[in-house]
Structure formats: structure tokens, C-alpha cells
């Protein structure tokens, strides 16, 4: 499956500009520090970029920051529904 280059570039930008909450969570998850599981940061899943993903455990972690307004919460709900339904793939 071909990767969407726009989404890959967006994920790279997000990794370079993470917020303080994401930085704190990443310091816990990186280098297999959480139960020996490998997590990826700002990983492309279909047409979304997930904050943190453990592919082996099929686990997605999303961090909401202070900038989330009502519209952002609605987009989050749609993205989470897509992740939960299993229709979004790596």
C-alpha cells in the first residue's frame, strides 16, 4: 500500500513541533519504556495522524491540548470512531 506523502510530511511536521503534553507522554513511551512495547510518535493511520501508536498491541493514544475547541472535538470523535472500527490501517 502506497503511503500518502502529504500525510507523511504532516506527521514529520507534527513530530518536530510537539506540544508539552505530547513531549511528556513521549518521554514515558519511547525506547520501549512502557511494558517493553514499541510506540511510534505521530504515525500515519489512513487519512489521520495518531499521536502515539503501538502496532503490536493495536493501541492508539491521542493527546488533546489546550487548543481544542468544539470543532476539534467533533473531528476527534470522527477519528476515534474510525480507529475503533478498524477501518483505518497503517
Protein backbone atom coordinates (compact mmCIF):
# COMPACT_ATOMS: atom_id res chain seq x y z
CA UNK A 1 0.00 0.00 0.00
CA UNK A 2 1.40 3.40 -1.00
CA UNK A 3 1.79 5.98 1.71
CA UNK A 4 0.19 9.36 1.24
CA UNK A 5 3.21 11.67 1.01
CA UNK A 6 1.22 14.67 2.22
CA UNK A 7 0.27 12.79 5.40
CA UNK A 8 3.84 11.56 5.91
CA UNK A 9 5.11 15.14 5.62
CA UNK A 10 2.41 16.34 8.03
CA UNK A 11 3.43 13.67 10.55
CA UNK A 12 7.06 14.81 10.28
CA UNK A 13 5.99 18.41 10.94
CA UNK A 14 3.97 17.34 13.98
CA UNK A 15 6.92 15.38 15.37
CA UNK A 16 9.12 18.45 15.02
CA UNK A 17 6.54 20.70 16.71
CA UNK A 18 5.10 18.58 19.52
CA UNK A 19 3.37 20.31 22.41
CA UNK A 20 4.44 19.94 26.04
CA UNK A 21 1.83 17.28 26.83
CA UNK A 22 2.98 15.14 23.90
CA UNK A 23 6.62 15.59 24.97
CA UNK A 24 5.81 14.36 28.48
CA UNK A 25 3.94 11.30 27.23
CA UNK A 26 6.65 10.51 24.67
CA UNK A 27 9.30 10.57 27.41
CA UNK A 28 7.38 7.72 29.08
CA UNK A 29 6.59 5.70 25.94
CA UNK A 30 9.85 5.98 23.99
CA UNK A 31 12.58 3.33 23.93
CA UNK A 32 10.19 0.54 24.98
CA UNK A 33 9.87 2.01 28.50
CA UNK A 34 6.17 1.12 28.77
CA UNK A 35 5.86 -2.64 29.32
CA UNK A 36 8.53 -3.27 26.68
CA UNK A 37 6.17 -2.16 23.90
CA UNK A 38 7.41 -0.21 20.87
CA UNK A 39 5.46 3.00 20.31
CA UNK A 40 5.59 5.28 17.27
CA UNK A 41 5.06 9.01 17.53
CA UNK A 42 2.86 10.95 15.06
CA UNK A 43 2.12 7.86 12.98
CA UNK A 44 0.01 7.97 9.81
CA UNK A 45 -3.11 5.79 10.01
CA UNK A 46 -5.09 6.11 6.81
CA UNK A 47 -6.06 9.76 6.46
CA UNK A 48 -5.21 10.60 10.08
CA UNK A 49 -2.05 11.15 12.09
CA UNK A 50 -2.24 9.49 15.51
CA UNK A 51 -0.18 10.98 18.34
CA UNK A 52 1.14 7.62 19.56
CA UNK A 53 0.65 4.10 18.21
CA UNK A 54 1.72 0.64 19.36
CA UNK A 55 1.12 -1.58 16.33
CA UNK A 56 1.72 -4.84 18.19
CA UNK A 57 -0.91 -4.03 20.84
CA UNK A 58 -3.22 -2.30 18.33
CA UNK A 59 -3.25 0.70 20.66
CA UNK A 60 -3.68 4.36 19.69
CA UNK A 61 -3.11 7.17 22.19
CA UNK A 62 -4.38 10.66 21.36
CA UNK A 63 -3.40 13.69 23.44
CA UNK A 64 -5.81 16.66 23.49
CA UNK A 65 -4.15 20.01 24.12
CA UNK A 66 -5.44 23.37 25.28
CA UNK A 67 -6.12 24.44 21.70
CA UNK A 68 -9.04 22.05 21.20
CA UNK A 69 -12.33 23.82 20.53
CA UNK A 70 -15.75 22.34 19.75
CA UNK A 71 -14.90 21.75 16.09
CA UNK A 72 -11.69 19.95 17.06
CA UNK A 73 -13.63 17.72 19.46
CA UNK A 74 -16.02 16.74 16.66
CA UNK A 75 -13.10 15.87 14.37
CA UNK A 76 -11.55 13.87 17.23
CA UNK A 77 -14.75 11.88 17.68
CA UNK A 78 -14.82 11.02 13.97
CA UNK A 79 -11.14 9.97 14.01
CA UNK A 80 -11.61 7.86 17.14
CA UNK A 81 -14.62 6.13 15.60
CA UNK A 82 -12.51 5.30 12.55
CA UNK A 83 -9.73 3.87 14.74
CA UNK A 84 -12.18 1.86 16.85
CA UNK A 85 -14.00 0.39 13.84
CA UNK A 86 -10.77 -1.00 12.45
CA UNK A 87 -11.34 0.66 9.07
CA UNK A 88 -8.16 2.75 9.42
CA UNK A 89 -4.97 0.90 8.56
CA UNK A 90 -1.27 1.69 8.69
